[in-house]
Amino acid sequence: MSLESLLMFLGLGLIAVIANAMSAFAGGGAGLVQLPALILLGLPFATALATHKLASVALGIGAAGRHWRASSLDPQLSGLVLLAGLPGVWIGASAVLALPDRLASAALALLTLGLGFYSARRPELGREDRPTAWTRSTIAVGAAVLFGIGILNGSLTSGTGLFVTIWLVRWFGLSYTRAVAHTLILVGLGWNGTGALVLGISGEIRWDWLPALIAGSLIGGYLGAHLSLKRGSRMVKRAFELLALLMGVSLLIRSL
């Protein structure tokens, strides 16, 4: 391996560790760092998106190893997240090349900023589990929103994990720590795996960059999940709000 290849490998691994540790702690946002970095390194948008999604599956694996031991997942809610979200991911990933990137990024930026402000203005939101009763309307509305987020996840990727996290907190009454666990495992493995499959079939993946990205995702996912469980919902809530605000500003600047 040449020195240039070694430096590229180490650089990609470091980017993946930082992006995925941040995502695993705050409940989303790996695409804020990893996807733009791949684009800046010269990959076309569709190739960068497919490569990022496939590498992000390792984030779910790394986080699952830590959260599974803590029994953080609700089987019923997990099934709903997958059944409602996966069709949306498939549609979004199939239509990604037809979307006006700047307009979509601007809308995503404003929505992400709104999430951060919304959470910050409600100090008790997500501090502890307050499960919502499962009625027909709860399931229908919850599934419809998850389907919509799935479309965004398949097409835009950056920040949609944060949307799932806040929706699980606001609508289903989960604490931030448990919501993050569901987001990392279900979105990281199920949603991103589906998006990577669709984009990989219809586009290109930079296979020679994947080993470094996957290794960094596994390490970062485990470290971030471990830190979120140790620090508790209060710290995770603050990290979520800060990341949502930073990512919203970043996306807004990118769309100008």
Protein backbone atom coordinates (compact mmCIF):
# COMPACT_ATOMS: atom_id res chain seq x y z
CA MET A 1 0.00 0.00 0.00
CA SER A 2 1.42 3.38 -1.02
CA LEU A 3 1.73 6.27 1.44
CA GLU A 4 -1.05 8.15 -0.36
CA SER A 5 -3.39 5.15 -0.11
CA LEU A 6 -2.53 4.68 3.58
CA LEU A 7 -3.26 8.34 4.36
CA MET A 8 -6.56 8.10 2.47
CA PHE A 9 -7.49 4.95 4.41
CA LEU A 10 -6.68 6.58 7.75
CA GLY A 11 -8.49 9.78 6.80
CA LEU A 12 -11.65 7.94 5.76
CA GLY A 13 -11.55 5.86 8.95
CA LEU A 14 -11.21 8.97 11.13
CA ILE A 15 -14.10 10.69 9.34
CA ALA A 16 -16.26 7.60 9.89
CA VAL A 17 -15.36 7.31 13.59
CA ILE A 18 -16.21 10.96 14.29
CA ALA A 19 -19.42 10.98 12.22
CA ASN A 20 -20.79 7.73 13.60
CA ALA A 21 -19.81 8.29 17.23
CA MET A 22 -21.63 11.64 17.07
CA SER A 23 -24.63 9.99 15.43
CA ALA A 24 -24.76 7.10 17.90
CA PHE A 25 -24.67 9.49 20.86
CA ALA A 26 -27.19 12.06 19.63
CA GLY A 27 -29.54 9.86 17.62
CA GLY A 28 -28.66 10.67 14.01
CA GLY A 29 -26.60 12.99 11.87
CA ALA A 30 -23.78 10.78 10.55
CA GLY A 31 -24.53 12.09 7.08
CA LEU A 32 -23.75 15.63 8.25
CA VAL A 33 -20.03 14.79 8.31
CA GLN A 34 -19.58 11.64 6.26
CA LEU A 35 -21.66 12.38 3.15
CA PRO A 36 -20.26 15.90 2.47
CA ALA A 37 -16.75 14.58 3.12
CA LEU A 38 -17.17 11.89 0.45
CA ILE A 39 -18.48 14.49 -2.00
CA LEU A 40 -15.57 16.82 -1.23
CA LEU A 41 -13.17 13.94 -1.85
CA GLY A 42 -14.47 13.77 -5.41
CA LEU A 43 -17.38 11.32 -5.49
CA PRO A 44 -20.54 12.21 -7.46
CA PHE A 45 -23.61 12.71 -5.24
CA ALA A 46 -25.31 9.40 -6.08
CA THR A 47 -22.07 7.41 -5.61
CA ALA A 48 -21.29 9.21 -2.34
CA LEU A 49 -24.84 8.56 -1.10
CA ALA A 50 -24.75 4.85 -1.95
CA THR A 51 -21.27 4.43 -0.40
CA HIS A 52 -22.29 6.35 2.72
CA LYS A 53 -25.46 4.30 3.20
CA LEU A 54 -23.70 0.98 2.85
CA ALA A 55 -21.00 2.06 5.30
CA SER A 56 -23.66 3.36 7.72
CA VAL A 57 -25.10 -0.14 8.06
CA ALA A 58 -21.99 -0.80 10.16
CA LEU A 59 -23.13 2.03 12.47
CA GLY A 60 -26.25 0.02 13.24
CA ILE A 61 -24.18 -3.10 13.85
CA GLY A 62 -21.79 -1.29 16.17
CA ALA A 63 -24.58 0.39 18.12
CA ALA A 64 -26.66 -2.81 18.24
CA GLY A 65 -23.86 -4.62 20.01
CA ARG A 66 -24.09 -2.15 22.90
CA HIS A 67 -27.82 -1.41 23.02
CA TRP A 68 -28.87 -5.04 22.66
CA ARG A 69 -27.23 -5.89 25.97
CA ALA A 70 -29.20 -3.07 27.60
CA SER A 71 -32.54 -4.44 26.22
CA SER A 72 -33.45 -1.03 24.81
CA LEU A 73 -35.75 -2.12 21.96
CA ASP A 74 -39.54 -2.43 22.00
CA PRO A 75 -40.47 -5.28 19.58
CA GLN A 76 -43.88 -3.81 18.67
CA LEU A 77 -42.51 -0.34 17.96
CA SER A 78 -39.53 -1.80 16.11
CA GLY A 79 -41.87 -3.65 13.77
CA LEU A 80 -43.82 -0.47 13.05
CA VAL A 81 -40.65 1.53 12.30
CA LEU A 82 -39.55 -1.09 9.78
CA LEU A 83 -42.93 -1.78 8.16
CA ALA A 84 -43.80 1.92 7.77
CA GLY A 85 -40.34 3.24 6.94
CA LEU A 86 -38.86 0.72 4.53
CA PRO A 87 -41.32 1.36 1.65
CA GLY A 88 -40.59 5.09 1.99
CA VAL A 89 -36.83 4.46 1.90
CA TRP A 90 -37.26 2.40 -1.27
CA ILE A 91 -39.28 5.16 -2.97
CA GLY A 92 -36.87 7.91 -1.87
CA ALA A 93 -33.75 6.03 -2.96
CA SER A 94 -35.34 5.22 -6.34
CA ALA A 95 -36.24 8.89 -6.94
CA VAL A 96 -33.10 10.55 -5.55
CA LEU A 97 -31.67 11.66 -8.89
CA ALA A 98 -34.89 13.48 -9.83
CA LEU A 99 -34.91 15.76 -6.77
CA PRO A 100 -33.78 19.41 -6.93
CA ASP A 101 -30.88 19.14 -4.50
CA ARG A 102 -30.63 22.77 -3.36
CA LEU A 103 -34.34 23.23 -2.70
CA ALA A 104 -34.57 19.91 -0.87
CA SER A 105 -31.48 20.72 1.23
CA ALA A 106 -32.90 24.12 2.20
CA ALA A 107 -36.22 22.60 3.28
CA LEU A 108 -34.39 19.90 5.22
CA ALA A 109 -32.23 22.55 6.91
CA LEU A 110 -35.22 24.56 8.11
CA LEU A 111 -36.99 21.46 9.39
CA THR A 112 -33.85 20.31 11.23
CA LEU A 113 -33.45 23.72 12.87
CA GLY A 114 -37.08 23.53 13.91
CA LEU A 115 -36.50 20.17 15.57
CA GLY A 116 -33.61 21.55 17.62
CA PHE A 117 -35.57 24.60 18.79
CA TYR A 118 -38.66 22.50 19.52
CA SER A 119 -36.73 20.13 21.77
CA ALA A 120 -34.82 22.96 23.49
CA ARG A 121 -38.05 24.76 24.39
CA ARG A 122 -39.40 21.68 26.17
CA PRO A 123 -37.03 20.84 29.04
CA GLU A 124 -38.91 17.70 30.13
CA LEU A 125 -39.32 16.23 26.64
CA GLY A 126 -37.72 12.80 26.44
CA ARG A 127 -36.18 12.87 29.90
CA GLU A 128 -37.88 9.58 30.79
CA ASP A 129 -40.16 6.98 29.23
CA ARG A 130 -43.83 7.99 29.07
CA PRO A 131 -45.28 5.39 26.69
CA THR A 132 -48.23 6.47 24.56
CA ALA A 133 -51.28 4.20 24.44
CA TRP A 134 -51.45 2.31 21.14
CA THR A 135 -54.71 3.24 19.47
CA ARG A 136 -55.65 3.09 15.79
CA SER A 137 -54.97 6.80 15.38
CA THR A 138 -51.63 6.53 17.19
CA ILE A 139 -50.51 3.74 14.87
CA ALA A 140 -51.89 5.39 11.70
CA VAL A 141 -50.33 8.82 12.29
CA GLY A 142 -47.11 7.32 13.61
CA ALA A 143 -46.77 5.06 10.57
CA ALA A 144 -47.59 7.86 8.11
CA VAL A 145 -44.88 10.12 9.51
CA LEU A 146 -42.34 7.28 9.59
CA PHE A 147 -43.17 6.56 5.93
CA GLY A 148 -42.51 10.22 5.07
CA ILE A 149 -39.22 10.23 6.98
CA GLY A 150 -38.31 7.03 5.15
CA ILE A 151 -38.68 8.83 1.80
CA LEU A 152 -36.36 11.57 3.06
CA ASN A 153 -33.91 8.98 4.35
CA GLY A 154 -33.73 7.24 1.00
CA SER A 155 -33.28 10.43 -1.00
CA LEU A 156 -31.45 12.95 1.20
CA THR A 157 -29.98 10.88 4.08
CA SER A 158 -28.45 13.78 6.07
CA GLY A 159 -30.22 14.23 9.38
CA THR A 160 -33.19 11.95 8.92
CA GLY A 161 -32.13 9.81 11.88
CA LEU A 162 -32.75 12.89 14.03
CA PHE A 163 -36.30 13.06 12.67
CA VAL A 164 -36.95 9.46 13.69
CA THR A 165 -35.50 10.10 17.15
CA ILE A 166 -37.64 13.16 17.87
CA TRP A 167 -40.76 11.45 16.46
CA LEU A 168 -40.27 8.43 18.74
CA VAL A 169 -39.86 10.80 21.69
CA ARG A 170 -42.75 13.12 20.84
CA TRP A 171 -45.35 10.70 19.49
CA PHE A 172 -44.57 7.38 21.16
CA GLY A 173 -43.31 8.75 24.49
CA LEU A 174 -39.83 7.23 24.55
CA SER A 175 -36.94 8.74 26.46
CA TYR A 176 -34.13 10.10 24.32
CA THR A 177 -31.84 7.22 25.27
CA ARG A 178 -34.35 4.55 24.17
CA ALA A 179 -35.35 6.52 21.06
CA VAL A 180 -31.70 6.75 20.02
CA ALA A 181 -31.36 2.97 20.44
CA HIS A 182 -34.31 2.34 18.11
CA THR A 183 -33.02 4.87 15.56
CA LEU A 184 -29.49 3.50 15.45
CA ILE A 185 -30.43 -0.15 15.07
CA LEU A 186 -33.58 0.09 12.93
CA VAL A 187 -32.59 3.03 10.75
CA GLY A 188 -28.90 2.12 10.71
CA LEU A 189 -29.47 -1.52 9.76
CA GLY A 190 -32.91 -1.69 8.15
CA TRP A 191 -33.41 1.67 6.47
CA ASN A 192 -29.82 2.34 5.40
CA GLY A 193 -29.38 -1.25 4.29
CA THR A 194 -32.42 -0.94 2.03
CA GLY A 195 -31.27 2.42 0.67
CA ALA A 196 -27.81 1.04 -0.03
CA LEU A 197 -29.33 -1.94 -1.86
CA VAL A 198 -31.50 0.24 -4.11
CA LEU A 199 -28.73 2.75 -4.84
CA GLY A 200 -26.15 0.01 -5.27
CA ILE A 201 -28.28 -1.74 -7.89
CA SER A 202 -29.07 1.43 -9.84
CA GLY A 203 -25.84 3.37 -9.26
CA GLU A 204 -22.25 2.89 -8.14
CA ILE A 205 -20.50 2.21 -4.86
CA ARG A 206 -16.87 3.10 -4.17
CA TRP A 207 -15.93 -0.37 -2.98
CA ASP A 208 -12.26 0.37 -2.29
CA TRP A 209 -13.23 3.04 0.26
CA LEU A 210 -15.68 0.83 2.14
CA PRO A 211 -13.24 -1.08 4.43
CA ALA A 212 -12.03 2.14 6.09
CA LEU A 213 -15.55 3.57 6.34
CA ILE A 214 -17.01 0.35 7.73
CA ALA A 215 -14.24 -0.03 10.32
CA GLY A 216 -14.74 3.59 11.44
CA SER A 217 -18.53 3.15 11.55
CA LEU A 218 -18.29 0.05 13.73
CA ILE A 219 -15.92 1.72 16.20
CA GLY A 220 -17.79 5.03 16.24
CA GLY A 221 -21.21 3.35 16.56
CA TYR A 222 -20.15 1.31 19.57
CA LEU A 223 -18.41 4.22 21.31
CA GLY A 224 -21.33 6.61 20.79
CA ALA A 225 -23.90 4.05 21.97
CA HIS A 226 -21.83 3.27 25.06
CA LEU A 227 -21.53 6.97 25.89
CA SER A 228 -25.28 7.60 25.46
CA LEU A 229 -26.15 4.76 27.85
CA LYS A 230 -23.63 5.99 30.42
CA ARG A 231 -24.63 9.66 30.25
CA GLY A 232 -28.40 9.21 30.24
CA SER A 233 -31.29 10.98 28.51
CA ARG A 234 -30.51 14.48 29.75
CA MET A 235 -27.08 14.59 28.10
CA VAL A 236 -28.37 12.82 24.98
CA LYS A 237 -31.17 15.39 24.70
CA ARG A 238 -28.67 18.26 24.80
CA ALA A 239 -26.45 16.55 22.22
CA PHE A 240 -29.48 16.03 19.98
CA GLU A 241 -30.44 19.69 20.17
CA LEU A 242 -26.91 20.93 19.51
CA LEU A 243 -26.42 18.57 16.58
CA ALA A 244 -29.80 19.51 15.07
CA LEU A 245 -28.92 23.20 15.21
CA LEU A 246 -25.42 22.72 13.79
CA MET A 247 -26.65 20.44 11.04
CA GLY A 248 -29.50 22.78 10.13
CA VAL A 249 -27.12 25.70 9.71
CA SER A 250 -24.67 23.54 7.72
CA LEU A 251 -27.38 22.33 5.35
CA LEU A 252 -28.73 25.86 4.93
CA ILE A 253 -25.30 27.19 3.98
CA ARG A 254 -24.81 24.30 1.57
CA SER A 255 -28.12 25.05 -0.17
CA LEU A 256 -27.30 28.72 -0.82
